[in-house]
Amino acid sequence: MSLKSLSKTRWRIEPDRIIVFPYGLSYILAAVLAVIFAAGYIVYTNYLHNSLESSFLLLSVLLIIIVLFIGWAGTSIEFDINGGVMRKKLFGFLPVSSIPFSNIYAINPVTELGSYKYKVFKKENRYGKGILVSSAYGKNDDPNALAFVEEVITPIHRYLELYDGPNDFKPVNIESYQFFNVQGGAYTIKKNKIGGVILGLVLLAVGIHELTPNAWLGHGYDIGRICFLIFTIIGGPIIILAGFTEVTLDKNTRLLTRTNPIGLGNKTYTFDNFNGVQTVRKSTNFIYSGTDVQVYFLKPDKQKEEAIVLQSFFSTRKVERFIAEVNSIMH
């Protein structure tokens, strides 16, 4: 078995359980670290003239790190069919968490950093962080992803349905809208225009100031200063324009429209081509920075879906309410 195949999602199906190994990438990381550590250790002992005895502690630490990476690759997610419980087992044998099937909402794809992964979500927080159950995929037609959906996700969902309560998937009754301004049959997403305009103007003003003789960052054209100028001078107007961009869902015409004063990026989609809602979790330096809610449309003459971002949230609780409002309008 190659390292590349080890990095893919692996699973084992037994009569009474399904076991998934989503952290195979750690095998590759362990192999890379082993090469780097070996080279460093050789330099440390041969070229810096350290004895094997004096370097034993260093060698032990390096080996422990590699072993931990290999052990993490063996971490598993176990779906106990008879017990109706999902367990996460560190290194494949040490239980660290468990969730009853009755508390699991679904296994859904989540887009992150240009790829997508499958995660388990609880009913109490359907758009939260989730628990990882697959490796990352770059293509929708990845053979490993297709097999994972068919052989693992689909059977697990059938088992989960046995533990659903009568009110678990009851449609939310929307009597008033928190995230839309309603005028007749037209629902326009609320926006904080003032905040966007102020931020955009501040960035633009800073950028213009940096082009004057009194620039705070000097007058050179190093990479850092060029990036800063691009961010402020171009990013400022973009943020201002975003503040005046409106997205409206019209029940009468059954159209979703995105418009702005200068017509840049205007879009129109019919509800008939609506193909679902998906969330995209964003992170900056591996720190969660918000969730985008996207709607997808598939036109009859197209093979590829088109997506439009409706709104961004930091609180996942707001995401669930917002999606419920969108679905109540479009269905």
C-alpha atoms as a PDB file:
ATOM      1  CA  MET A   1       0.000   0.000   0.000  1.00  0.00           C
ATOM      2  CA  SER A   2       1.473   3.351  -1.081  1.00  0.00           C
ATOM      3  CA  LEU A   3       1.716   6.432   1.130  1.00  0.00           C
ATOM      4  CA  LYS A   4      -0.687   8.220  -1.238  1.00  0.00           C
ATOM      5  CA  SER A   5      -3.348   5.562  -0.723  1.00  0.00           C
ATOM      6  CA  LEU A   6      -2.772   5.698   3.037  1.00  0.00           C
ATOM      7  CA  SER A   7      -3.518   9.439   3.010  1.00  0.00           C
ATOM      8  CA  LYS A   8      -7.007   8.759   1.617  1.00  0.00           C
ATOM      9  CA  THR A   9      -9.985   7.978   3.810  1.00  0.00           C
ATOM     10  CA  ARG A  10      -9.952   4.322   4.837  1.00  0.00           C
ATOM     11  CA  TRP A  11     -12.735   2.314   6.399  1.00  0.00           C
ATOM     12  CA  ARG A  12     -13.572  -1.173   7.598  1.00  0.00           C
ATOM     13  CA  ILE A  13     -17.084  -2.596   7.562  1.00  0.00           C
ATOM     14  CA  GLU A  14     -17.919  -5.286  10.110  1.00  0.00           C
ATOM     15  CA  PRO A  15     -21.257  -6.977  10.865  1.00  0.00           C
ATOM     16  CA  ASP A  16     -21.942  -4.788  13.894  1.00  0.00           C
ATOM     17  CA  ARG A  17     -19.891  -1.647  13.202  1.00  0.00           C
ATOM     18  CA  ILE A  18     -18.361   0.669  10.606  1.00  0.00           C
ATOM     19  CA  ILE A  19     -14.891   2.009  11.418  1.00  0.00           C
ATOM     20  CA  VAL A  20     -13.458   5.015   9.579  1.00  0.00           C
ATOM     21  CA  PHE A  21      -9.841   6.237   9.545  1.00  0.00           C
ATOM     22  CA  PRO A  22      -9.834   9.871   8.374  1.00  0.00           C
ATOM     23  CA  TYR A  23      -6.338  10.952   9.433  1.00  0.00           C
ATOM     24  CA  GLY A  24      -4.220   9.014   6.957  1.00  0.00           C
ATOM     25  CA  LEU A  25      -2.385  12.173   5.919  1.00  0.00           C
ATOM     26  CA  SER A  26      -0.424  11.838   9.157  1.00  0.00           C
ATOM     27  CA  TYR A  27       1.377   8.836   7.665  1.00  0.00           C
ATOM     28  CA  ILE A  28       2.857  11.092   4.980  1.00  0.00           C
ATOM     29  CA  LEU A  29       3.702  13.751   7.547  1.00  0.00           C
ATOM     30  CA  ALA A  30       5.398  11.104   9.673  1.00  0.00           C
ATOM     31  CA  ALA A  31       7.456   9.933   6.690  1.00  0.00           C
ATOM     32  CA  VAL A  32       8.492  13.500   5.812  1.00  0.00           C
ATOM     33  CA  LEU A  33       9.433  14.230   9.428  1.00  0.00           C
ATOM     34  CA  ALA A  34      11.396  10.978   9.621  1.00  0.00           C
ATOM     35  CA  VAL A  35      13.550  12.058   6.649  1.00  0.00           C
ATOM     36  CA  ILE A  36      14.063  15.558   8.058  1.00  0.00           C
ATOM     37  CA  PHE A  37      14.836  14.263  11.553  1.00  0.00           C
ATOM     38  CA  ALA A  38      17.226  11.623  10.201  1.00  0.00           C
ATOM     39  CA  ALA A  39      19.140  14.227   8.211  1.00  0.00           C
ATOM     40  CA  GLY A  40      19.256  16.555  11.198  1.00  0.00           C
ATOM     41  CA  TYR A  41      20.382  13.786  13.510  1.00  0.00           C
ATOM     42  CA  ILE A  42      23.208  12.796  11.157  1.00  0.00           C
ATOM     43  CA  VAL A  43      24.392  16.392  11.008  1.00  0.00           C
ATOM     44  CA  TYR A  44      24.136  16.664  14.800  1.00  0.00           C
ATOM     45  CA  THR A  45      26.194  13.541  15.469  1.00  0.00           C
ATOM     46  CA  ASN A  46      28.688  13.409  12.563  1.00  0.00           C
ATOM     47  CA  TYR A  47      29.335  17.037  11.708  1.00  0.00           C
ATOM     48  CA  LEU A  48      28.847  18.631  15.098  1.00  0.00           C
ATOM     49  CA  HIS A  49      30.798  15.771  16.731  1.00  0.00           C
ATOM     50  CA  ASN A  50      28.209  14.707  19.308  1.00  0.00           C
ATOM     51  CA  SER A  51      28.376  11.174  20.621  1.00  0.00           C
ATOM     52  CA  LEU A  52      25.524   8.686  20.449  1.00  0.00           C
ATOM     53  CA  GLU A  53      25.271   8.738  24.226  1.00  0.00           C
ATOM     54  CA  SER A  54      24.929  12.513  24.444  1.00  0.00           C
ATOM     55  CA  SER A  55      22.392  12.568  21.625  1.00  0.00           C
ATOM     56  CA  PHE A  56      20.235   9.740  23.004  1.00  0.00           C
ATOM     57  CA  LEU A  57      17.698  12.145  24.544  1.00  0.00           C
ATOM     58  CA  LEU A  58      17.351  14.050  21.258  1.00  0.00           C
ATOM     59  CA  LEU A  59      16.929  10.808  19.328  1.00  0.00           C
ATOM     60  CA  SER A  60      14.259   9.644  21.776  1.00  0.00           C
ATOM     61  CA  VAL A  61      12.268  12.889  21.395  1.00  0.00           C
ATOM     62  CA  LEU A  62      12.429  12.699  17.601  1.00  0.00           C
ATOM     63  CA  LEU A  63      11.281   9.079  17.615  1.00  0.00           C
ATOM     64  CA  ILE A  64       8.409   9.857  19.999  1.00  0.00           C
ATOM     65  CA  ILE A  65       7.207  12.656  17.700  1.00  0.00           C
ATOM     66  CA  ILE A  66       7.221  10.327  14.693  1.00  0.00           C
ATOM     67  CA  VAL A  67       5.428   7.596  16.655  1.00  0.00           C
ATOM     68  CA  LEU A  68       2.756  10.094  17.748  1.00  0.00           C
ATOM     69  CA  PHE A  69       2.120  11.106  14.127  1.00  0.00           C
ATOM     70  CA  ILE A  70       1.821   7.454  13.119  1.00  0.00           C
ATOM     71  CA  GLY A  71      -0.478   6.838  16.080  1.00  0.00           C
ATOM     72  CA  TRP A  72      -2.647   9.833  15.185  1.00  0.00           C
ATOM     73  CA  ALA A  73      -3.045   8.392  11.669  1.00  0.00           C
ATOM     74  CA  GLY A  74      -4.631   5.361  13.330  1.00  0.00           C
ATOM     75  CA  THR A  75      -7.236   7.465  15.152  1.00  0.00           C
ATOM     76  CA  SER A  76     -10.646   6.089  14.201  1.00  0.00           C
ATOM     77  CA  ILE A  77     -14.308   7.009  14.199  1.00  0.00           C
ATOM     78  CA  GLU A  78     -16.379   3.964  15.101  1.00  0.00           C
ATOM     79  CA  PHE A  79     -20.104   3.660  14.419  1.00  0.00           C
ATOM     80  CA  ASP A  80     -21.397   0.944  16.750  1.00  0.00           C
ATOM     81  CA  ILE A  81     -24.552  -0.304  15.038  1.00  0.00           C
ATOM     82  CA  ASN A  82     -25.814  -2.486  17.890  1.00  0.00           C
ATOM     83  CA  GLY A  83     -25.070   0.071  20.594  1.00  0.00           C
ATOM     84  CA  GLY A  84     -26.310   3.049  18.568  1.00  0.00           C
ATOM     85  CA  VAL A  85     -23.217   5.075  19.471  1.00  0.00           C
ATOM     86  CA  MET A  86     -20.460   6.833  17.561  1.00  0.00           C
ATOM     87  CA  ARG A  87     -17.047   6.780  19.267  1.00  0.00           C
ATOM     88  CA  LYS A  88     -13.820   8.560  18.477  1.00  0.00           C
ATOM     89  CA  LYS A  89     -10.814   6.463  19.454  1.00  0.00           C
ATOM     90  CA  LEU A  90      -7.421   8.107  19.765  1.00  0.00           C
ATOM     91  CA  PHE A  91      -4.716   5.980  18.105  1.00  0.00           C
ATOM     92  CA  GLY A  92      -7.492   3.540  17.213  1.00  0.00           C
ATOM     93  CA  PHE A  93      -8.045   2.121  20.710  1.00  0.00           C
ATOM     94  CA  LEU A  94      -8.376   4.909  23.321  1.00  0.00           C
ATOM     95  CA  PRO A  95     -11.995   6.240  23.506  1.00  0.00           C
ATOM     96  CA  VAL A  96     -12.001  10.039  23.863  1.00  0.00           C
ATOM     97  CA  SER A  97     -15.614  10.910  22.982  1.00  0.00           C
ATOM     98  CA  SER A  98     -18.922   9.264  22.189  1.00  0.00           C
ATOM     99  CA  ILE A  99     -22.205  10.500  20.728  1.00  0.00           C
ATOM    100  CA  PRO A 100     -25.489   8.535  20.719  1.00  0.00           C
ATOM    101  CA  PHE A 101     -27.010   8.103  17.256  1.00  0.00           C
ATOM    102  CA  SER A 102     -30.094   9.929  18.541  1.00  0.00           C
ATOM    103  CA  ASN A 103     -28.003  13.114  18.883  1.00  0.00           C
ATOM    104  CA  ILE A 104     -26.458  12.964  15.396  1.00  0.00           C
ATOM    105  CA  TYR A 105     -27.974  15.144  12.698  1.00  0.00           C
ATOM    106  CA  ALA A 106     -26.095  13.909   9.623  1.00  0.00           C
ATOM    107  CA  ILE A 107     -22.753  13.438   7.886  1.00  0.00           C
ATOM    108  CA  ASN A 108     -22.398  16.385   5.518  1.00  0.00           C
ATOM    109  CA  PRO A 109     -19.669  17.830   3.291  1.00  0.00           C
ATOM    110  CA  VAL A 110     -17.991  21.044   4.435  1.00  0.00           C
ATOM    111  CA  THR A 111     -15.889  23.224   2.132  1.00  0.00           C
ATOM    112  CA  GLU A 112     -12.651  24.510   3.634  1.00  0.00           C
ATOM    113  CA  LEU A 113      -9.599  26.080   1.967  1.00  0.00           C
ATOM    114  CA  GLY A 114     -10.573  25.014  -1.547  1.00  0.00           C
ATOM    115  CA  SER A 115     -11.319  21.394  -0.667  1.00  0.00           C
ATOM    116  CA  TYR A 116     -14.149  19.570   1.050  1.00  0.00           C
ATOM    117  CA  LYS A 117     -14.355  17.076   3.878  1.00  0.00           C
ATOM    118  CA  TYR A 118     -17.135  15.073   5.466  1.00  0.00           C
ATOM    119  CA  LYS A 119     -18.040  15.776   9.078  1.00  0.00           C
ATOM    120  CA  VAL A 120     -20.554  14.522  11.613  1.00  0.00           C
ATOM    121  CA  PHE A 121     -22.880  17.192  12.976  1.00  0.00           C
ATOM    122  CA  LYS A 122     -25.028  17.087  16.078  1.00  0.00           C
ATOM    123  CA  LYS A 123     -28.716  17.961  16.038  1.00  0.00           C
ATOM    124  CA  GLU A 124     -28.111  20.666  18.618  1.00  0.00           C
ATOM    125  CA  ASN A 125     -25.536  22.429  16.393  1.00  0.00           C
ATOM    126  CA  ARG A 126     -26.107  21.445  12.787  1.00  0.00           C
ATOM    127  CA  TYR A 127     -23.686  23.944  11.252  1.00  0.00           C
ATOM    128  CA  GLY A 128     -20.985  24.021  13.905  1.00  0.00           C
ATOM    129  CA  LYS A 129     -17.437  22.700  13.831  1.00  0.00           C
ATOM    130  CA  GLY A 130     -18.450  19.075  13.398  1.00  0.00           C
ATOM    131  CA  ILE A 131     -16.345  15.942  13.830  1.00  0.00           C
ATOM    132  CA  LEU A 132     -14.088  14.966  10.950  1.00  0.00           C
ATOM    133  CA  VAL A 133     -14.783  11.579   9.355  1.00  0.00           C
ATOM    134  CA  SER A 134     -12.925  11.854   6.043  1.00  0.00           C
ATOM    135  CA  SER A 135      -9.746  13.180   4.488  1.00  0.00           C
ATOM    136  CA  ALA A 136      -9.847  16.253   2.243  1.00  0.00           C
ATOM    137  CA  TYR A 137     -10.996  15.947  -1.370  1.00  0.00           C
ATOM    138  CA  GLY A 138     -10.253  18.340  -4.202  1.00  0.00           C
ATOM    139  CA  LYS A 139     -12.667  16.970  -6.812  1.00  0.00           C
ATOM    140  CA  ASN A 140     -16.339  16.029  -6.655  1.00  0.00           C
ATOM    141  CA  ASP A 141     -15.642  12.903  -8.697  1.00  0.00           C
ATOM    142  CA  ASP A 142     -12.770  11.649  -6.536  1.00  0.00           C
ATOM    143  CA  PRO A 143     -13.130   7.824  -6.601  1.00  0.00           C
ATOM    144  CA  ASN A 144     -12.364   7.555  -2.891  1.00  0.00           C
ATOM    145  CA  ALA A 145     -15.021  10.173  -2.065  1.00  0.00           C
ATOM    146  CA  LEU A 146     -17.655   8.464  -4.239  1.00  0.00           C
ATOM    147  CA  ALA A 147     -16.920   5.087  -2.652  1.00  0.00           C
ATOM    148  CA  PHE A 148     -16.982   6.634   0.828  1.00  0.00           C
ATOM    149  CA  VAL A 149     -20.455   8.104   0.236  1.00  0.00           C
ATOM    150  CA  GLU A 150     -21.823   4.852  -1.193  1.00  0.00           C
ATOM    151  CA  GLU A 151     -20.258   2.375   1.224  1.00  0.00           C
ATOM    152  CA  VAL A 152     -20.120   4.394   4.455  1.00  0.00           C
ATOM    153  CA  ILE A 153     -22.271   7.519   4.572  1.00  0.00           C
ATOM    154  CA  THR A 154     -25.390   6.075   2.927  1.00  0.00           C
ATOM    155  CA  PRO A 155     -25.585   2.988   5.224  1.00  0.00           C
ATOM    156  CA  ILE A 156     -24.836   5.088   8.320  1.00  0.00           C
ATOM    157  CA  HIS A 157     -27.637   7.509   7.460  1.00  0.00           C
ATOM    158  CA  ARG A 158     -30.033   4.563   7.240  1.00  0.00           C
ATOM    159  CA  TYR A 159     -29.005   3.484  10.755  1.00  0.00           C
ATOM    160  CA  LEU A 160     -29.301   7.061  12.061  1.00  0.00           C
ATOM    161  CA  GLU A 161     -32.884   7.297  10.791  1.00  0.00           C
ATOM    162  CA  LEU A 162     -33.867   4.558  13.245  1.00  0.00           C
ATOM    163  CA  TYR A 163     -32.972   6.881  16.140  1.00  0.00           C
ATOM    164  CA  ASP A 164     -34.680  10.051  14.865  1.00  0.00           C
ATOM    165  CA  GLY A 165     -37.475  11.527  16.979  1.00  0.00           C
ATOM    166  CA  PRO A 166     -40.734  12.907  15.546  1.00  0.00           C
ATOM    167  CA  ASN A 167     -39.629  16.524  16.059  1.00  0.00           C
ATOM    168  CA  ASP A 168     -35.994  16.223  14.985  1.00  0.00           C
ATOM    169  CA  PHE A 169     -36.592  17.294  11.383  1.00  0.00           C
ATOM    170  CA  LYS A 170     -39.802  19.198  11.809  1.00  0.00           C
ATOM    171  CA  PRO A 171     -39.768  22.286   9.548  1.00  0.00           C
ATOM    172  CA  VAL A 172     -39.212  25.546  11.391  1.00  0.00           C
ATOM    173  CA  ASN A 173     -42.352  27.682  11.343  1.00  0.00           C
ATOM    174  CA  ILE A 174     -41.132  31.113  10.223  1.00  0.00           C
ATOM    175  CA  GLU A 175     -43.590  33.799  11.300  1.00  0.00           C
ATOM    176  CA  SER A 176     -41.176  36.740  11.200  1.00  0.00           C
ATOM    177  CA  TYR A 177     -37.833  37.200   9.450  1.00  0.00           C
ATOM    178  CA  GLN A 178     -34.688  38.167  11.337  1.00  0.00           C
ATOM    179  CA  PHE A 179     -32.364  38.424   8.351  1.00  0.00           C
ATOM    180  CA  PHE A 180     -34.629  39.812   5.623  1.00  0.00           C
ATOM    181  CA  ASN A 181     -36.449  43.055   4.959  1.00  0.00           C
ATOM    182  CA  VAL A 182     -39.871  42.069   3.617  1.00  0.00           C
ATOM    183  CA  GLN A 183     -41.798  44.152   1.097  1.00  0.00           C
ATOM    184  CA  GLY A 184     -44.741  42.295  -0.373  1.00  0.00           C
ATOM    185  CA  GLY A 185     -43.298  39.147  -1.911  1.00  0.00           C
ATOM    186  CA  ALA A 186     -39.738  40.481  -2.049  1.00  0.00           C
ATOM    187  CA  TYR A 187     -37.257  39.471   0.663  1.00  0.00           C
ATOM    188  CA  THR A 188     -34.025  41.497   0.736  1.00  0.00           C
ATOM    189  CA  ILE A 189     -31.138  40.365   2.944  1.00  0.00           C
ATOM    190  CA  LYS A 190     -30.386  42.863   5.702  1.00  0.00           C
ATOM    191  CA  LYS A 191     -26.944  44.463   5.648  1.00  0.00           C
ATOM    192  CA  ASN A 192     -24.939  46.809   7.805  1.00  0.00           C
ATOM    193  CA  LYS A 193     -24.227  49.318   5.035  1.00  0.00           C
ATOM    194  CA  ILE A 194     -22.856  51.991   7.339  1.00  0.00           C
ATOM    195  CA  GLY A 195     -20.224  49.697   8.825  1.00  0.00           C
ATOM    196  CA  GLY A 196     -19.071  48.528   5.384  1.00  0.00           C
ATOM    197  CA  VAL A 197     -18.895  52.050   3.993  1.00  0.00           C
ATOM    198  CA  ILE A 198     -16.918  53.358   6.977  1.00  0.00           C
ATOM    199  CA  LEU A 199     -14.435  50.473   6.822  1.00  0.00           C
ATOM    200  CA  GLY A 200     -14.027  50.859   3.064  1.00  0.00           C
ATOM    201  CA  LEU A 201     -13.466  54.616   3.302  1.00  0.00           C
ATOM    202  CA  VAL A 202     -10.904  54.168   6.073  1.00  0.00           C
ATOM    203  CA  LEU A 203      -8.947  51.624   4.032  1.00  0.00           C
ATOM    204  CA  LEU A 204      -9.091  53.803   0.919  1.00  0.00           C
ATOM    205  CA  ALA A 205      -7.976  56.883   2.857  1.00  0.00           C
ATOM    206  CA  VAL A 206      -5.032  54.984   4.346  1.00  0.00           C
ATOM    207  CA  GLY A 207      -4.043  53.721   0.915  1.00  0.00           C
ATOM    208  CA  ILE A 208      -4.147  57.197  -0.605  1.00  0.00           C
ATOM    209  CA  HIS A 209      -2.139  58.567   2.313  1.00  0.00           C
ATOM    210  CA  GLU A 210       0.587  56.001   1.608  1.00  0.00           C
ATOM    211  CA  LEU A 211       1.001  57.507  -1.877  1.00  0.00           C
ATOM    212  CA  THR A 212       1.730  60.962  -0.479  1.00  0.00           C
ATOM    213  CA  PRO A 213       5.147  62.332   0.640  1.00  0.00           C
ATOM    214  CA  ASN A 214       4.036  61.783   4.273  1.00  0.00           C
ATOM    215  CA  ALA A 215       3.540  58.028   3.877  1.00  0.00           C
ATOM    216  CA  TRP A 216       3.929  56.092   7.132  1.00  0.00           C
ATOM    217  CA  LEU A 217       5.521  53.064   5.465  1.00  0.00           C
ATOM    218  CA  GLY A 218       8.102  54.994   3.452  1.00  0.00           C
ATOM    219  CA  HIS A 219       8.333  55.324  -0.298  1.00  0.00           C
ATOM    220  CA  GLY A 220       9.955  52.066  -1.359  1.00  0.00           C
ATOM    221  CA  TYR A 221       8.274  49.410  -3.462  1.00  0.00           C
ATOM    222  CA  ASP A 222       9.055  46.251  -1.552  1.00  0.00           C
ATOM    223  CA  ILE A 223       6.596  43.351  -1.700  1.00  0.00           C
ATOM    224  CA  GLY A 224       5.025  44.129   1.692  1.00  0.00           C
ATOM    225  CA  ARG A 225       4.264  47.754   0.803  1.00  0.00           C
ATOM    226  CA  ILE A 226       2.889  46.828  -2.628  1.00  0.00           C
ATOM    227  CA  CYS A 227       0.547  44.251  -1.072  1.00  0.00           C
ATOM    228  CA  PHE A 228      -0.578  46.791   1.519  1.00  0.00           C
ATOM    229  CA  LEU A 229      -1.343  49.378  -1.192  1.00  0.00           C
ATOM    230  CA  ILE A 230      -3.300  46.847  -3.232  1.00  0.00           C
ATOM    231  CA  PHE A 231      -5.270  45.786  -0.170  1.00  0.00           C
ATOM    232  CA  THR A 232      -6.219  49.345   0.816  1.00  0.00           C
ATOM    233  CA  ILE A 233      -6.659  51.069  -2.546  1.00  0.00           C
ATOM    234  CA  ILE A 234      -8.488  48.199  -4.233  1.00  0.00           C
ATOM    235  CA  GLY A 235      -9.970  46.491  -1.168  1.00  0.00           C
ATOM    236  CA  GLY A 236     -11.520  49.707   0.172  1.00  0.00           C
ATOM    237  CA  PRO A 237     -13.759  50.352  -2.868  1.00  0.00           C
ATOM    238  CA  ILE A 238     -14.661  46.646  -3.035  1.00  0.00           C
ATOM    239  CA  ILE A 239     -15.873  46.728   0.581  1.00  0.00           C
ATOM    240  CA  ILE A 240     -17.849  49.917  -0.114  1.00  0.00           C
ATOM    241  CA  LEU A 241     -19.432  48.314  -3.188  1.00  0.00           C
ATOM    242  CA  ALA A 242     -20.271  45.175  -1.172  1.00  0.00           C
ATOM    243  CA  GLY A 243     -22.108  47.378   1.319  1.00  0.00           C
ATOM    244  CA  PHE A 244     -24.445  48.563  -1.451  1.00  0.00           C
ATOM    245  CA  THR A 245     -24.883  45.131  -3.047  1.00  0.00           C
ATOM    246  CA  GLU A 246     -28.361  43.747  -2.474  1.00  0.00           C
ATOM    247  CA  VAL A 247     -29.584  40.165  -2.689  1.00  0.00           C
ATOM    248  CA  THR A 248     -33.337  39.780  -3.080  1.00  0.00           C
ATOM    249  CA  LEU A 249     -35.486  36.658  -3.162  1.00  0.00           C
ATOM    250  CA  ASP A 250     -38.814  37.401  -4.866  1.00  0.00           C
ATOM    251  CA  LYS A 251     -41.623  34.922  -4.340  1.00  0.00           C
ATOM    252  CA  ASN A 252     -43.813  36.529  -7.001  1.00  0.00           C
ATOM    253  CA  THR A 253     -41.296  36.272  -9.850  1.00  0.00           C
ATOM    254  CA  ARG A 254     -39.511  33.270  -8.289  1.00  0.00           C
ATOM    255  CA  LEU A 255     -36.173  34.957  -8.910  1.00  0.00           C
ATOM    256  CA  LEU A 256     -33.062  35.512  -6.823  1.00  0.00           C
ATOM    257  CA  THR A 257     -31.243  38.670  -7.876  1.00  0.00           C
ATOM    258  CA  ARG A 258     -27.940  40.241  -6.804  1.00  0.00           C
ATOM    259  CA  THR A 259     -27.536  43.884  -7.781  1.00  0.00           C
ATOM    260  CA  ASN A 260     -25.275  46.833  -7.041  1.00  0.00           C
ATOM    261  CA  PRO A 261     -25.180  50.466  -8.218  1.00  0.00           C
ATOM    262  CA  ILE A 262     -22.555  49.938 -10.945  1.00  0.00           C
ATOM    263  CA  GLY A 263     -23.856  46.587 -12.168  1.00  0.00           C
ATOM    264  CA  LEU A 264     -20.633  44.717 -11.452  1.00  0.00           C
ATOM    265  CA  GLY A 265     -21.366  41.073 -10.661  1.00  0.00           C
ATOM    266  CA  ASN A 266     -25.128  41.371 -11.058  1.00  0.00           C
ATOM    267  CA  LYS A 267     -26.780  37.942 -11.192  1.00  0.00           C
ATOM    268  CA  THR A 268     -30.276  36.537 -11.641  1.00  0.00           C
ATOM    269  CA  TYR A 269     -31.353  32.974 -10.927  1.00  0.00           C
ATOM    270  CA  THR A 270     -34.744  31.291 -11.044  1.00  0.00           C
ATOM    271  CA  PHE A 271     -35.971  29.291  -8.071  1.00  0.00           C
ATOM    272  CA  ASP A 272     -36.623  26.413 -10.479  1.00  0.00           C
ATOM    273  CA  ASN A 273     -32.868  25.877 -10.818  1.00  0.00           C
ATOM    274  CA  PHE A 274     -32.257  25.964  -7.052  1.00  0.00           C
ATOM    275  CA  ASN A 275     -30.022  23.022  -6.126  1.00  0.00           C
ATOM    276  CA  GLY A 276     -29.494  23.376  -2.385  1.00  0.00           C
ATOM    277  CA  VAL A 277     -27.699  25.312   0.341  1.00  0.00           C
ATOM    278  CA  GLN A 278     -24.172  24.677   1.538  1.00  0.00           C
ATOM    279  CA  THR A 279     -21.989  26.225   4.222  1.00  0.00           C
ATOM    280  CA  VAL A 280     -18.313  27.085   3.828  1.00  0.00           C
ATOM    281  CA  ARG A 281     -16.265  27.353   7.009  1.00  0.00           C
ATOM    282  CA  LYS A 282     -13.498  29.945   6.723  1.00  0.00           C
ATOM    283  CA  SER A 283     -10.287  30.041   8.698  1.00  0.00           C
ATOM    284  CA  THR A 284      -7.348  32.398   8.970  1.00  0.00           C
ATOM    285  CA  ASN A 285      -4.068  30.844  10.086  1.00  0.00           C
ATOM    286  CA  PHE A 286      -6.100  27.740  11.045  1.00  0.00           C
ATOM    287  CA  ILE A 287      -8.343  29.839  13.339  1.00  0.00           C
ATOM    288  CA  TYR A 288     -12.090  29.833  12.599  1.00  0.00           C
ATOM    289  CA  SER A 289     -13.119  33.189  11.091  1.00  0.00           C
ATOM    290  CA  GLY A 290     -16.713  32.643  10.023  1.00  0.00           C
ATOM    291  CA  THR A 291     -19.147  30.631   7.907  1.00  0.00           C
ATOM    292  CA  ASP A 292     -20.437  31.588   4.456  1.00  0.00           C
ATOM    293  CA  VAL A 293     -23.910  30.455   3.439  1.00  0.00           C
ATOM    294  CA  GLN A 294     -24.024  29.678  -0.276  1.00  0.00           C
ATOM    295  CA  VAL A 295     -26.942  28.718  -2.497  1.00  0.00           C
ATOM    296  CA  TYR A 296     -26.366  26.584  -5.565  1.00  0.00           C
ATOM    297  CA  PHE A 297     -28.151  26.707  -8.900  1.00  0.00           C
ATOM    298  CA  LEU A 298     -27.930  24.223 -11.763  1.00  0.00           C
ATOM    299  CA  LYS A 299     -29.176  25.492 -15.122  1.00  0.00           C
ATOM    300  CA  PRO A 300     -30.625  22.893 -17.524  1.00  0.00           C
ATOM    301  CA  ASP A 301     -28.024  23.657 -20.212  1.00  0.00           C
ATOM    302  CA  LYS A 302     -25.086  23.559 -17.792  1.00  0.00           C
ATOM    303  CA  GLN A 303     -23.210  20.668 -16.204  1.00  0.00           C
ATOM    304  CA  LYS A 304     -21.566  22.733 -13.465  1.00  0.00           C
ATOM    305  CA  GLU A 305     -23.384  24.370 -10.568  1.00  0.00           C
ATOM    306  CA  GLU A 306     -23.179  28.096  -9.938  1.00  0.00           C
ATOM    307  CA  ALA A 307     -22.904  29.349  -6.367  1.00  0.00           C
ATOM    308  CA  ILE A 308     -23.694  32.692  -4.794  1.00  0.00           C
ATOM    309  CA  VAL A 309     -22.796  33.751  -1.245  1.00  0.00           C
ATOM    310  CA  LEU A 310     -25.872  35.034   0.539  1.00  0.00           C
ATOM    311  CA  GLN A 311     -24.453  35.950   3.940  1.00  0.00           C
ATOM    312  CA  SER A 312     -21.547  35.362   6.308  1.00  0.00           C
ATOM    313  CA  PHE A 313     -21.841  34.640  10.018  1.00  0.00           C
ATOM    314  CA  PHE A 314     -19.508  34.007  12.912  1.00  0.00           C
ATOM    315  CA  SER A 315     -22.179  32.378  15.092  1.00  0.00           C
ATOM    316  CA  THR A 316     -23.249  28.979  13.779  1.00  0.00           C
ATOM    317  CA  ARG A 317     -26.591  29.349  15.598  1.00  0.00           C
ATOM    318  CA  LYS A 318     -27.436  32.222  13.255  1.00  0.00           C
ATOM    319  CA  VAL A 319     -26.508  30.046  10.278  1.00  0.00           C
ATOM    320  CA  GLU A 320     -29.220  27.516  11.129  1.00  0.00           C
ATOM    321  CA  ARG A 321     -31.890  30.208  11.488  1.00  0.00           C
ATOM    322  CA  PHE A 322     -30.804  31.954   8.282  1.00  0.00           C
ATOM    323  CA  ILE A 323     -30.958  28.731   6.252  1.00  0.00           C
ATOM    324  CA  ALA A 324     -34.415  28.003   7.675  1.00  0.00           C
ATOM    325  CA  GLU A 325     -35.584  31.446   6.488  1.00  0.00           C
ATOM    326  CA  VAL A 326     -34.063  30.919   3.031  1.00  0.00           C
ATOM    327  CA  ASN A 327     -35.762  27.536   2.667  1.00  0.00           C
ATOM    328  CA  SER A 328     -39.109  28.953   3.771  1.00  0.00           C
ATOM    329  CA  ILE A 329     -38.893  31.560   1.013  1.00  0.00           C
ATOM    330  CA  MET A 330     -37.658  29.337  -1.812  1.00  0.00           C
ATOM    331  CA  HIS A 331     -39.916  26.343  -1.197  1.00  0.00           C
END
